[in-house]
Amino acid sequence: MKEENKSTILITGGAGFIGSNLCEYFINKGHKVICLDNFASGHKHNLKDFINDANFNLIEGDIRNLMDCHNAVQGVDYVLHQAALGSVPRSINDPVTTNDVNVSGFLNMLVASRDAKVKRFVYAASSSTYGDSVGLPKVEEVIGKPLSPYAITKYVNELYAEIFSRTYGLETIGLRYFNVFGRKQDPNGAYAAVIPKFVMQLMQLESPKINGDGNYSRDFTYIDNVIQMNELAMTTANKEAINTVYNTAYGDRNTLNNLADYLKKFLSQYDPKIANIAVEYAPNRMGDIPHSLASIEKAKTLLGYNPQFSMEEGLKVAVKWYWENLKQ
């Protein structure tokens, strides 16, 4: 018999940035955590702090393989589906693989979760779904046309989740992540996210390169706010709160120029030379949305969401982690 209030949680993509933070959080709360990952973009070193924990089980497998999905969901109460190929530029360069992982893999996980009768399927959706919608702040029920293959795949995820809720009774909640950042986010590779990439460049006394004039703005969201949303989505007993999607953000926006200034300010506390590094500018990237700002009223009202970290507060913590863990 299960210990009261302790669950078995499958986290797909659990060796990735967001997934590994979720694994660590729920293990520390005493839950049993299963991680399914094929290490295409996740890393074993993200698991090092808990890989030998009795409540952790790593399954090396691929969501594109339906049998791997069926094996992973056995005895699972909740699925937190984070596995995906992120990055708008990668999807433009290779739309076939992005679709294969993000759509076919997602469908496999829905089928496996339905068959295993999991209590709820919470999945990573994306702010890219807003596409060419120009209104700010972004409200869940008003979206535009997608601007990239990646955005299409994440919108298709929402459509599939809704159909599985209606047709099979599988409880689903989608979390539209807005520019998540924080500890364990990979600064390396062609498709590295902007914050860890800038941090690494500045730590190496190199100029960060901004696409465009730096006035594009984003609702940068610290990882601990995202963990809070996943826990609320997984545990809410409010029936009105399920079978829908939520913006997962802080509800404020900063330009890329603001971001670079904050990073220089915080990193120069460790190395004063960083304060004088100039920013370089490059052409805009295809598929990028100019401005992104989330309304978080729906999450506050239906889930009781209360984000604790602004971008500035999150950056202070993240910069310290990067300096301590990645400074060569």
C-alpha atoms as a PDB file:
ATOM      1  CA  MET A   1       0.000   0.000   0.000  1.00  0.00           C
ATOM      2  CA  LYS A   2       1.285   3.459  -0.936  1.00  0.00           C
ATOM      3  CA  GLU A   3       2.376   5.853   1.758  1.00  0.00           C
ATOM      4  CA  GLU A   4      -0.296   8.489   2.202  1.00  0.00           C
ATOM      5  CA  ASN A   5       0.046  11.512  -0.114  1.00  0.00           C
ATOM      6  CA  LYS A   6       3.112  10.038  -1.815  1.00  0.00           C
ATOM      7  CA  SER A   7       2.766   9.430  -5.540  1.00  0.00           C
ATOM      8  CA  THR A   8       4.654   7.777  -8.364  1.00  0.00           C
ATOM      9  CA  ILE A   9       5.437  10.420 -10.965  1.00  0.00           C
ATOM     10  CA  LEU A  10       6.791   9.820 -14.462  1.00  0.00           C
ATOM     11  CA  ILE A  11       8.798  12.757 -15.777  1.00  0.00           C
ATOM     12  CA  THR A  12       9.598  12.423 -19.467  1.00  0.00           C
ATOM     13  CA  GLY A  13      12.672  14.346 -20.534  1.00  0.00           C
ATOM     14  CA  GLY A  14      13.710  14.120 -16.888  1.00  0.00           C
ATOM     15  CA  ALA A  15      17.402  14.569 -17.678  1.00  0.00           C
ATOM     16  CA  GLY A  16      16.765  17.912 -19.368  1.00  0.00           C
ATOM     17  CA  PHE A  17      16.824  21.354 -17.808  1.00  0.00           C
ATOM     18  CA  ILE A  18      13.218  21.600 -16.603  1.00  0.00           C
ATOM     19  CA  GLY A  19      12.755  17.851 -16.202  1.00  0.00           C
ATOM     20  CA  SER A  20      15.758  17.346 -13.918  1.00  0.00           C
ATOM     21  CA  ASN A  21      14.668  20.228 -11.699  1.00  0.00           C
ATOM     22  CA  LEU A  22      11.225  18.614 -11.422  1.00  0.00           C
ATOM     23  CA  CYS A  23      12.798  15.235 -10.614  1.00  0.00           C
ATOM     24  CA  GLU A  24      14.887  16.730  -7.830  1.00  0.00           C
ATOM     25  CA  TYR A  25      11.980  18.685  -6.351  1.00  0.00           C
ATOM     26  CA  PHE A  26       9.567  15.745  -6.170  1.00  0.00           C
ATOM     27  CA  ILE A  27      12.186  13.297  -4.893  1.00  0.00           C
ATOM     28  CA  ASN A  28      12.980  15.764  -2.104  1.00  0.00           C
ATOM     29  CA  LYS A  29       9.265  15.791  -1.239  1.00  0.00           C
ATOM     30  CA  GLY A  30       9.308  12.010  -0.811  1.00  0.00           C
ATOM     31  CA  HIS A  31       7.587  10.968  -4.052  1.00  0.00           C
ATOM     32  CA  LYS A  32       8.783   8.133  -6.247  1.00  0.00           C
ATOM     33  CA  VAL A  33      10.072   9.542  -9.536  1.00  0.00           C
ATOM     34  CA  ILE A  34      10.633   7.731 -12.815  1.00  0.00           C
ATOM     35  CA  CYS A  35      12.655   9.530 -15.478  1.00  0.00           C
ATOM     36  CA  LEU A  36      12.294   8.590 -19.153  1.00  0.00           C
ATOM     37  CA  ASP A  37      14.951  10.136 -21.385  1.00  0.00           C
ATOM     38  CA  ASN A  38      16.913   9.250 -24.515  1.00  0.00           C
ATOM     39  CA  PHE A  39      19.627  11.856 -23.777  1.00  0.00           C
ATOM     40  CA  ALA A  40      19.205  13.563 -27.148  1.00  0.00           C
ATOM     41  CA  SER A  41      19.270  16.906 -25.356  1.00  0.00           C
ATOM     42  CA  GLY A  42      19.278  15.887 -21.673  1.00  0.00           C
ATOM     43  CA  HIS A  43      22.414  15.058 -19.694  1.00  0.00           C
ATOM     44  CA  LYS A  44      23.367  12.422 -17.129  1.00  0.00           C
ATOM     45  CA  HIS A  45      25.163  15.088 -15.085  1.00  0.00           C
ATOM     46  CA  ASN A  46      21.776  16.753 -14.445  1.00  0.00           C
ATOM     47  CA  LEU A  47      20.820  13.627 -12.468  1.00  0.00           C
ATOM     48  CA  LYS A  48      23.990  13.260 -10.403  1.00  0.00           C
ATOM     49  CA  ASP A  49      22.553  14.645  -7.148  1.00  0.00           C
ATOM     50  CA  PHE A  50      19.791  12.039  -6.960  1.00  0.00           C
ATOM     51  CA  ILE A  51      20.641   9.220  -9.387  1.00  0.00           C
ATOM     52  CA  ASN A  52      21.287   6.813  -6.487  1.00  0.00           C
ATOM     53  CA  ASP A  53      18.231   7.850  -4.481  1.00  0.00           C
ATOM     54  CA  ALA A  54      15.985   4.901  -3.603  1.00  0.00           C
ATOM     55  CA  ASN A  55      12.962   6.847  -4.887  1.00  0.00           C
ATOM     56  CA  PHE A  56      14.479   7.483  -8.326  1.00  0.00           C
ATOM     57  CA  ASN A  57      14.371   5.210 -11.349  1.00  0.00           C
ATOM     58  CA  LEU A  58      15.967   6.067 -14.694  1.00  0.00           C
ATOM     59  CA  ILE A  59      14.595   4.478 -17.862  1.00  0.00           C
ATOM     60  CA  GLU A  60      16.665   5.131 -20.959  1.00  0.00           C
ATOM     61  CA  GLY A  61      14.133   5.159 -23.763  1.00  0.00           C
ATOM     62  CA  ASP A  62      12.536   7.213 -26.514  1.00  0.00           C
ATOM     63  CA  ILE A  63       8.997   8.619 -26.598  1.00  0.00           C
ATOM     64  CA  ARG A  64       8.951   7.855 -30.339  1.00  0.00           C
ATOM     65  CA  ASN A  65       8.892   4.182 -29.334  1.00  0.00           C
ATOM     66  CA  LEU A  66       5.388   3.333 -28.075  1.00  0.00           C
ATOM     67  CA  MET A  67       6.674   0.291 -26.142  1.00  0.00           C
ATOM     68  CA  ASP A  68       9.101   2.500 -24.199  1.00  0.00           C
ATOM     69  CA  CYS A  69       6.169   4.746 -23.281  1.00  0.00           C
ATOM     70  CA  HIS A  70       4.034   1.785 -22.146  1.00  0.00           C
ATOM     71  CA  ASN A  71       6.900   0.436 -20.023  1.00  0.00           C
ATOM     72  CA  ALA A  72       7.519   3.809 -18.392  1.00  0.00           C
ATOM     73  CA  VAL A  73       3.915   4.443 -17.289  1.00  0.00           C
ATOM     74  CA  GLN A  74       3.427   1.145 -15.439  1.00  0.00           C
ATOM     75  CA  GLY A  75       2.189   1.852 -11.902  1.00  0.00           C
ATOM     76  CA  VAL A  76       2.408   5.621 -12.428  1.00  0.00           C
ATOM     77  CA  ASP A  77      -0.036   8.059 -10.816  1.00  0.00           C
ATOM     78  CA  TYR A  78       0.927  11.217 -12.706  1.00  0.00           C
ATOM     79  CA  VAL A  79       2.826  12.072 -15.876  1.00  0.00           C
ATOM     80  CA  LEU A  80       4.737  15.331 -16.208  1.00  0.00           C
ATOM     81  CA  HIS A  81       5.584  15.326 -19.906  1.00  0.00           C
ATOM     82  CA  GLN A  82       8.617  17.531 -20.585  1.00  0.00           C
ATOM     83  CA  ALA A  83      10.270  15.530 -23.378  1.00  0.00           C
ATOM     84  CA  ALA A  84      10.458  17.495 -26.622  1.00  0.00           C
ATOM     85  CA  LEU A  85      12.849  18.938 -29.146  1.00  0.00           C
ATOM     86  CA  GLY A  86      12.844  22.623 -28.277  1.00  0.00           C
ATOM     87  CA  SER A  87      14.117  25.581 -30.286  1.00  0.00           C
ATOM     88  CA  VAL A  88      12.450  27.471 -33.106  1.00  0.00           C
ATOM     89  CA  PRO A  89      15.657  27.577 -35.236  1.00  0.00           C
ATOM     90  CA  ARG A  90      16.159  23.805 -34.893  1.00  0.00           C
ATOM     91  CA  SER A  91      12.596  23.185 -36.067  1.00  0.00           C
ATOM     92  CA  ILE A  92      13.172  25.413 -39.093  1.00  0.00           C
ATOM     93  CA  ASN A  93      16.370  23.499 -39.923  1.00  0.00           C
ATOM     94  CA  ASP A  94      14.847  20.055 -39.293  1.00  0.00           C
ATOM     95  CA  PRO A  95      11.035  20.106 -39.191  1.00  0.00           C
ATOM     96  CA  VAL A  96      10.724  16.340 -39.686  1.00  0.00           C
ATOM     97  CA  THR A  97      12.557  15.323 -36.507  1.00  0.00           C
ATOM     98  CA  THR A  98      10.880  18.090 -34.498  1.00  0.00           C
ATOM     99  CA  ASN A  99       7.467  16.800 -35.621  1.00  0.00           C
ATOM    100  CA  ASP A 100       8.438  13.180 -34.975  1.00  0.00           C
ATOM    101  CA  VAL A 101       9.434  13.851 -31.367  1.00  0.00           C
ATOM    102  CA  ASN A 102       6.950  16.581 -30.461  1.00  0.00           C
ATOM    103  CA  VAL A 103       3.842  15.216 -32.171  1.00  0.00           C
ATOM    104  CA  SER A 104       4.281  11.453 -32.652  1.00  0.00           C
ATOM    105  CA  GLY A 105       6.108  11.113 -29.335  1.00  0.00           C
ATOM    106  CA  PHE A 106       3.465  13.174 -27.569  1.00  0.00           C
ATOM    107  CA  LEU A 107       0.681  11.024 -29.016  1.00  0.00           C
ATOM    108  CA  ASN A 108       2.499   7.878 -27.869  1.00  0.00           C
ATOM    109  CA  MET A 109       2.657   9.254 -24.335  1.00  0.00           C
ATOM    110  CA  LEU A 110      -1.055  10.118 -24.376  1.00  0.00           C
ATOM    111  CA  VAL A 111      -1.951   6.615 -25.552  1.00  0.00           C
ATOM    112  CA  ALA A 112       0.283   4.976 -22.952  1.00  0.00           C
ATOM    113  CA  SER A 113      -1.094   7.224 -20.177  1.00  0.00           C
ATOM    114  CA  ARG A 114      -4.671   6.495 -21.208  1.00  0.00           C
ATOM    115  CA  ASP A 115      -4.029   2.751 -21.259  1.00  0.00           C
ATOM    116  CA  ALA A 116      -2.300   2.833 -17.862  1.00  0.00           C
ATOM    117  CA  LYS A 117      -5.167   4.889 -16.412  1.00  0.00           C
ATOM    118  CA  VAL A 118      -2.877   7.563 -14.980  1.00  0.00           C
ATOM    119  CA  LYS A 119      -4.670  10.126 -12.817  1.00  0.00           C
ATOM    120  CA  ARG A 120      -3.493  13.152 -14.767  1.00  0.00           C
ATOM    121  CA  PHE A 121      -1.248  14.081 -17.684  1.00  0.00           C
ATOM    122  CA  VAL A 122       0.457  17.470 -17.272  1.00  0.00           C
ATOM    123  CA  TYR A 123       2.489  18.580 -20.279  1.00  0.00           C
ATOM    124  CA  ALA A 124       4.855  21.302 -21.389  1.00  0.00           C
ATOM    125  CA  ALA A 125       3.085  23.535 -23.870  1.00  0.00           C
ATOM    126  CA  SER A 126       4.676  26.690 -25.262  1.00  0.00           C
ATOM    127  CA  SER A 127       4.199  30.434 -25.574  1.00  0.00           C
ATOM    128  CA  SER A 128       5.169  29.972 -29.246  1.00  0.00           C
ATOM    129  CA  THR A 129       1.542  28.880 -29.745  1.00  0.00           C
ATOM    130  CA  TYR A 130       0.548  32.567 -29.691  1.00  0.00           C
ATOM    131  CA  GLY A 131       2.261  32.967 -33.061  1.00  0.00           C
ATOM    132  CA  ASP A 132       1.400  36.170 -34.899  1.00  0.00           C
ATOM    133  CA  SER A 133      -1.139  37.297 -32.297  1.00  0.00           C
ATOM    134  CA  VAL A 134      -0.162  40.893 -31.497  1.00  0.00           C
ATOM    135  CA  GLY A 135      -2.235  41.586 -28.388  1.00  0.00           C
ATOM    136  CA  LEU A 136      -0.480  41.890 -25.021  1.00  0.00           C
ATOM    137  CA  PRO A 137      -0.663  40.413 -22.503  1.00  0.00           C
ATOM    138  CA  LYS A 138      -1.224  36.972 -24.007  1.00  0.00           C
ATOM    139  CA  VAL A 139      -4.498  35.422 -22.822  1.00  0.00           C
ATOM    140  CA  GLU A 140      -4.933  31.652 -23.109  1.00  0.00           C
ATOM    141  CA  GLU A 141      -8.070  31.736 -25.239  1.00  0.00           C
ATOM    142  CA  VAL A 142      -6.693  34.100 -27.919  1.00  0.00           C
ATOM    143  CA  ILE A 143      -3.936  32.761 -30.174  1.00  0.00           C
ATOM    144  CA  GLY A 144      -2.664  33.554 -33.662  1.00  0.00           C
ATOM    145  CA  LYS A 145      -1.143  31.542 -36.481  1.00  0.00           C
ATOM    146  CA  PRO A 146       2.093  29.664 -35.657  1.00  0.00           C
ATOM    147  CA  LEU A 147       5.339  31.167 -36.958  1.00  0.00           C
ATOM    148  CA  SER A 148       7.526  28.033 -36.945  1.00  0.00           C
ATOM    149  CA  PRO A 149       7.341  24.232 -37.221  1.00  0.00           C
ATOM    150  CA  TYR A 150       8.073  24.074 -33.478  1.00  0.00           C
ATOM    151  CA  ALA A 151       5.066  26.280 -32.711  1.00  0.00           C
ATOM    152  CA  ILE A 152       2.848  24.052 -34.866  1.00  0.00           C
ATOM    153  CA  THR A 153       3.921  20.941 -32.950  1.00  0.00           C
ATOM    154  CA  LYS A 154       3.178  22.526 -29.579  1.00  0.00           C
ATOM    155  CA  TYR A 155      -0.257  23.666 -30.729  1.00  0.00           C
ATOM    156  CA  VAL A 156      -0.994  20.172 -32.038  1.00  0.00           C
ATOM    157  CA  ASN A 157      -0.111  18.865 -28.547  1.00  0.00           C
ATOM    158  CA  GLU A 158      -2.873  21.029 -27.083  1.00  0.00           C
ATOM    159  CA  LEU A 159      -5.375  19.781 -29.659  1.00  0.00           C
ATOM    160  CA  TYR A 160      -4.497  16.136 -28.990  1.00  0.00           C
ATOM    161  CA  ALA A 161      -4.676  16.640 -25.209  1.00  0.00           C
ATOM    162  CA  GLU A 162      -8.132  18.179 -25.529  1.00  0.00           C
ATOM    163  CA  ILE A 163      -9.369  15.279 -27.672  1.00  0.00           C
ATOM    164  CA  PHE A 164      -7.995  12.697 -25.224  1.00  0.00           C
ATOM    165  CA  SER A 165      -9.747  14.512 -22.371  1.00  0.00           C
ATOM    166  CA  ARG A 166     -13.071  14.584 -24.219  1.00  0.00           C
ATOM    167  CA  THR A 167     -12.904  11.164 -25.855  1.00  0.00           C
ATOM    168  CA  TYR A 168     -11.166   8.999 -23.269  1.00  0.00           C
ATOM    169  CA  GLY A 169     -11.614  10.919 -20.014  1.00  0.00           C
ATOM    170  CA  LEU A 170      -7.871  11.411 -19.508  1.00  0.00           C
ATOM    171  CA  GLU A 171      -7.319  14.457 -17.294  1.00  0.00           C
ATOM    172  CA  THR A 172      -4.853  16.812 -18.977  1.00  0.00           C
ATOM    173  CA  ILE A 173      -3.358  20.216 -18.222  1.00  0.00           C
ATOM    174  CA  GLY A 174      -1.029  22.091 -20.567  1.00  0.00           C
ATOM    175  CA  LEU A 175       1.470  24.637 -19.301  1.00  0.00           C
ATOM    176  CA  ARG A 176       2.482  27.248 -21.862  1.00  0.00           C
ATOM    177  CA  TYR A 177       6.039  27.974 -20.754  1.00  0.00           C
ATOM    178  CA  PHE A 178       7.380  31.475 -21.320  1.00  0.00           C
ATOM    179  CA  ASN A 179      11.184  31.643 -21.693  1.00  0.00           C
ATOM    180  CA  VAL A 180      12.125  29.498 -18.713  1.00  0.00           C
ATOM    181  CA  PHE A 181      15.630  29.915 -17.237  1.00  0.00           C
ATOM    182  CA  GLY A 182      17.653  28.802 -14.224  1.00  0.00           C
ATOM    183  CA  ARG A 183      20.049  26.211 -12.833  1.00  0.00           C
ATOM    184  CA  LYS A 184      21.005  23.280 -15.079  1.00  0.00           C
ATOM    185  CA  GLN A 185      20.037  25.060 -18.300  1.00  0.00           C
ATOM    186  CA  ASP A 186      22.600  24.047 -20.920  1.00  0.00           C
ATOM    187  CA  PRO A 187      24.744  26.937 -22.252  1.00  0.00           C
ATOM    188  CA  ASN A 188      26.322  24.840 -24.995  1.00  0.00           C
ATOM    189  CA  GLY A 189      25.268  23.802 -28.474  1.00  0.00           C
ATOM    190  CA  ALA A 190      23.806  25.519 -31.511  1.00  0.00           C
ATOM    191  CA  TYR A 191      20.359  25.864 -29.939  1.00  0.00           C
ATOM    192  CA  ALA A 192      21.279  27.000 -26.433  1.00  0.00           C
ATOM    193  CA  ALA A 193      18.770  29.352 -24.806  1.00  0.00           C
ATOM    194  CA  VAL A 194      19.650  33.021 -24.628  1.00  0.00           C
ATOM    195  CA  ILE A 195      20.305  33.400 -20.874  1.00  0.00           C
ATOM    196  CA  PRO A 196      22.836  30.581 -20.323  1.00  0.00           C
ATOM    197  CA  LYS A 197      24.462  31.463 -23.668  1.00  0.00           C
ATOM    198  CA  PHE A 198      24.914  35.112 -22.642  1.00  0.00           C
ATOM    199  CA  VAL A 199      26.153  34.082 -19.179  1.00  0.00           C
ATOM    200  CA  MET A 200      28.831  31.816 -20.653  1.00  0.00           C
ATOM    201  CA  GLN A 201      29.941  34.466 -23.154  1.00  0.00           C
ATOM    202  CA  LEU A 202      30.222  37.098 -20.436  1.00  0.00           C
ATOM    203  CA  MET A 203      32.082  34.756 -18.065  1.00  0.00           C
ATOM    204  CA  GLN A 204      34.574  34.162 -20.885  1.00  0.00           C
ATOM    205  CA  LEU A 205      34.808  37.966 -21.390  1.00  0.00           C
ATOM    206  CA  GLU A 206      33.165  37.685 -24.821  1.00  0.00           C
ATOM    207  CA  SER A 207      30.478  39.999 -26.188  1.00  0.00           C
ATOM    208  CA  PRO A 208      26.961  38.523 -26.109  1.00  0.00           C
ATOM    209  CA  LYS A 209      25.287  38.675 -29.507  1.00  0.00           C
ATOM    210  CA  ILE A 210      21.681  39.904 -29.595  1.00  0.00           C
ATOM    211  CA  ASN A 211      19.502  39.132 -32.608  1.00  0.00           C
ATOM    212  CA  GLY A 212      17.865  42.392 -33.693  1.00  0.00           C
ATOM    213  CA  ASP A 213      18.222  45.755 -31.949  1.00  0.00           C
ATOM    214  CA  GLY A 214      17.667  44.345 -28.468  1.00  0.00           C
ATOM    215  CA  ASN A 215      14.183  45.771 -28.069  1.00  0.00           C
ATOM    216  CA  TYR A 216      12.360  42.472 -28.526  1.00  0.00           C
ATOM    217  CA  SER A 217      10.873  41.636 -25.125  1.00  0.00           C
ATOM    218  CA  ARG A 218      10.195  38.415 -23.249  1.00  0.00           C
ATOM    219  CA  ASP A 219       8.401  37.259 -20.110  1.00  0.00           C
ATOM    220  CA  PHE A 220      11.472  35.525 -18.651  1.00  0.00           C
ATOM    221  CA  THR A 221      10.348  32.902 -16.137  1.00  0.00           C
ATOM    222  CA  TYR A 222      12.522  31.451 -13.377  1.00  0.00           C
ATOM    223  CA  ILE A 223      12.531  27.666 -12.984  1.00  0.00           C
ATOM    224  CA  ASP A 224      11.055  27.667  -9.457  1.00  0.00           C
ATOM    225  CA  ASN A 225       7.898  29.378 -10.757  1.00  0.00           C
ATOM    226  CA  VAL A 226       7.591  26.578 -13.315  1.00  0.00           C
ATOM    227  CA  ILE A 227       8.020  23.901 -10.648  1.00  0.00           C
ATOM    228  CA  GLN A 228       5.234  25.554  -8.649  1.00  0.00           C
ATOM    229  CA  MET A 229       2.929  25.448 -11.680  1.00  0.00           C
ATOM    230  CA  ASN A 230       3.645  21.779 -12.361  1.00  0.00           C
ATOM    231  CA  GLU A 231       2.863  20.865  -8.761  1.00  0.00           C
ATOM    232  CA  LEU A 232      -0.362  22.871  -8.761  1.00  0.00           C
ATOM    233  CA  ALA A 233      -1.440  21.376 -12.088  1.00  0.00           C
ATOM    234  CA  MET A 234      -0.699  17.862 -10.844  1.00  0.00           C
ATOM    235  CA  THR A 235      -2.427  18.183  -7.487  1.00  0.00           C
ATOM    236  CA  THR A 236      -5.371  20.553  -7.956  1.00  0.00           C
ATOM    237  CA  ALA A 237      -8.731  19.105  -6.963  1.00  0.00           C
ATOM    238  CA  ASN A 238     -10.592  21.934  -8.706  1.00  0.00           C
ATOM    239  CA  LYS A 239     -12.500  20.251 -11.538  1.00  0.00           C
ATOM    240  CA  GLU A 240     -12.791  23.579 -13.368  1.00  0.00           C
ATOM    241  CA  ALA A 241      -8.991  23.761 -13.467  1.00  0.00           C
ATOM    242  CA  ILE A 242      -8.380  20.606 -15.514  1.00  0.00           C
ATOM    243  CA  ASN A 243      -8.555  19.823 -19.236  1.00  0.00           C
ATOM    244  CA  THR A 244      -7.271  23.255 -20.225  1.00  0.00           C
ATOM    245  CA  VAL A 245      -4.036  25.226 -20.715  1.00  0.00           C
ATOM    246  CA  TYR A 246      -2.289  27.866 -18.614  1.00  0.00           C
ATOM    247  CA  ASN A 247       0.330  30.503 -19.196  1.00  0.00           C
ATOM    248  CA  THR A 248       3.335  29.642 -17.057  1.00  0.00           C
ATOM    249  CA  ALA A 249       5.227  32.873 -16.558  1.00  0.00           C
ATOM    250  CA  TYR A 250       5.886  35.724 -14.158  1.00  0.00           C
ATOM    251  CA  GLY A 251       3.615  38.244 -15.883  1.00  0.00           C
ATOM    252  CA  ASP A 252       6.206  40.912 -16.665  1.00  0.00           C
ATOM    253  CA  ARG A 253       8.469  41.554 -19.633  1.00  0.00           C
ATOM    254  CA  ASN A 254      12.029  42.714 -20.189  1.00  0.00           C
ATOM    255  CA  THR A 255      13.868  43.566 -23.391  1.00  0.00           C
ATOM    256  CA  LEU A 256      16.976  41.658 -24.444  1.00  0.00           C
ATOM    257  CA  ASN A 257      18.923  44.858 -23.773  1.00  0.00           C
ATOM    258  CA  ASN A 258      17.547  44.869 -20.189  1.00  0.00           C
ATOM    259  CA  LEU A 259      18.573  41.233 -19.865  1.00  0.00           C
ATOM    260  CA  ALA A 260      22.141  41.896 -20.987  1.00  0.00           C
ATOM    261  CA  ASP A 261      22.417  44.832 -18.539  1.00  0.00           C
ATOM    262  CA  TYR A 262      21.206  42.715 -15.609  1.00  0.00           C
ATOM    263  CA  LEU A 263      23.604  39.897 -16.455  1.00  0.00           C
ATOM    264  CA  LYS A 264      26.569  42.261 -16.711  1.00  0.00           C
ATOM    265  CA  LYS A 265      25.603  43.846 -13.386  1.00  0.00           C
ATOM    266  CA  PHE A 266      25.264  40.552 -11.512  1.00  0.00           C
ATOM    267  CA  LEU A 267      28.281  38.820 -13.091  1.00  0.00           C
ATOM    268  CA  SER A 268      30.562  41.812 -12.556  1.00  0.00           C
ATOM    269  CA  GLN A 269      30.244  41.164  -8.816  1.00  0.00           C
ATOM    270  CA  TYR A 270      32.379  38.080  -9.492  1.00  0.00           C
ATOM    271  CA  ASP A 271      34.617  39.632 -12.165  1.00  0.00           C
ATOM    272  CA  PRO A 272      34.596  43.464 -12.473  1.00  0.00           C
ATOM    273  CA  LYS A 273      35.885  43.278 -16.080  1.00  0.00           C
ATOM    274  CA  ILE A 274      32.482  41.959 -17.192  1.00  0.00           C
ATOM    275  CA  ALA A 275      30.828  45.337 -16.530  1.00  0.00           C
ATOM    276  CA  ASN A 276      32.619  46.892 -19.520  1.00  0.00           C
ATOM    277  CA  ILE A 277      31.868  44.235 -22.131  1.00  0.00           C
ATOM    278  CA  ALA A 278      29.975  45.633 -25.112  1.00  0.00           C
ATOM    279  CA  VAL A 279      26.961  43.875 -26.632  1.00  0.00           C
ATOM    280  CA  GLU A 280      26.998  42.956 -30.341  1.00  0.00           C
ATOM    281  CA  TYR A 281      23.931  42.984 -32.563  1.00  0.00           C
ATOM    282  CA  ALA A 282      22.999  40.593 -35.378  1.00  0.00           C
ATOM    283  CA  PRO A 283      20.022  40.236 -37.750  1.00  0.00           C
ATOM    284  CA  ASN A 284      16.666  39.101 -36.372  1.00  0.00           C
ATOM    285  CA  ARG A 285      16.037  35.347 -36.417  1.00  0.00           C
ATOM    286  CA  MET A 286      13.330  33.865 -38.590  1.00  0.00           C
ATOM    287  CA  GLY A 287      10.280  32.713 -36.604  1.00  0.00           C
ATOM    288  CA  ASP A 288      10.973  34.853 -33.536  1.00  0.00           C
ATOM    289  CA  ILE A 289       8.009  36.580 -31.925  1.00  0.00           C
ATOM    290  CA  PRO A 290       8.774  40.291 -31.297  1.00  0.00           C
ATOM    291  CA  HIS A 291       7.111  40.618 -27.884  1.00  0.00           C
ATOM    292  CA  SER A 292       5.931  38.152 -25.304  1.00  0.00           C
ATOM    293  CA  LEU A 293       4.036  38.893 -22.101  1.00  0.00           C
ATOM    294  CA  ALA A 294       1.701  36.508 -20.298  1.00  0.00           C
ATOM    295  CA  SER A 295      -1.485  37.141 -18.425  1.00  0.00           C
ATOM    296  CA  ILE A 296      -1.291  34.815 -15.410  1.00  0.00           C
ATOM    297  CA  GLU A 297      -4.777  35.625 -14.104  1.00  0.00           C
ATOM    298  CA  LYS A 298      -6.237  32.259 -15.150  1.00  0.00           C
ATOM    299  CA  ALA A 299      -3.527  30.338 -13.274  1.00  0.00           C
ATOM    300  CA  LYS A 300      -3.917  32.561 -10.221  1.00  0.00           C
ATOM    301  CA  THR A 301      -7.699  32.144 -10.192  1.00  0.00           C
ATOM    302  CA  LEU A 302      -8.063  28.429 -10.958  1.00  0.00           C
ATOM    303  CA  LEU A 303      -4.811  26.989  -9.579  1.00  0.00           C
ATOM    304  CA  GLY A 304      -3.808  29.472  -6.880  1.00  0.00           C
ATOM    305  CA  TYR A 305      -0.550  30.233  -8.710  1.00  0.00           C
ATOM    306  CA  ASN A 306       1.671  32.780  -6.962  1.00  0.00           C
ATOM    307  CA  PRO A 307       5.081  33.128  -8.663  1.00  0.00           C
ATOM    308  CA  GLN A 308       7.869  33.965  -6.240  1.00  0.00           C
ATOM    309  CA  PHE A 309      10.665  35.023  -8.600  1.00  0.00           C
ATOM    310  CA  SER A 310      10.766  38.027 -10.918  1.00  0.00           C
ATOM    311  CA  MET A 311      13.321  37.915 -13.741  1.00  0.00           C
ATOM    312  CA  GLU A 312      15.728  40.053 -11.712  1.00  0.00           C
ATOM    313  CA  GLU A 313      15.396  37.872  -8.594  1.00  0.00           C
ATOM    314  CA  GLY A 314      15.743  34.681 -10.637  1.00  0.00           C
ATOM    315  CA  LEU A 315      18.794  35.995 -12.492  1.00  0.00           C
ATOM    316  CA  LYS A 316      20.631  36.713  -9.227  1.00  0.00           C
ATOM    317  CA  VAL A 317      20.214  33.081  -8.155  1.00  0.00           C
ATOM    318  CA  ALA A 318      20.907  31.660 -11.622  1.00  0.00           C
ATOM    319  CA  VAL A 319      24.078  33.710 -12.130  1.00  0.00           C
ATOM    320  CA  LYS A 320      25.456  32.483  -8.794  1.00  0.00           C
ATOM    321  CA  TRP A 321      24.739  28.871  -9.826  1.00  0.00           C
ATOM    322  CA  TYR A 322      26.428  29.312 -13.207  1.00  0.00           C
ATOM    323  CA  TRP A 323      29.477  30.958 -11.685  1.00  0.00           C
ATOM    324  CA  GLU A 324      29.892  28.195  -9.113  1.00  0.00           C
ATOM    325  CA  ASN A 325      29.203  25.303 -11.474  1.00  0.00           C
ATOM    326  CA  LEU A 326      30.391  26.354 -14.930  1.00  0.00           C
ATOM    327  CA  LYS A 327      33.196  28.866 -14.472  1.00  0.00           C
ATOM    328  CA  GLN A 328      36.264  27.142 -15.924  1.00  0.00           C
END
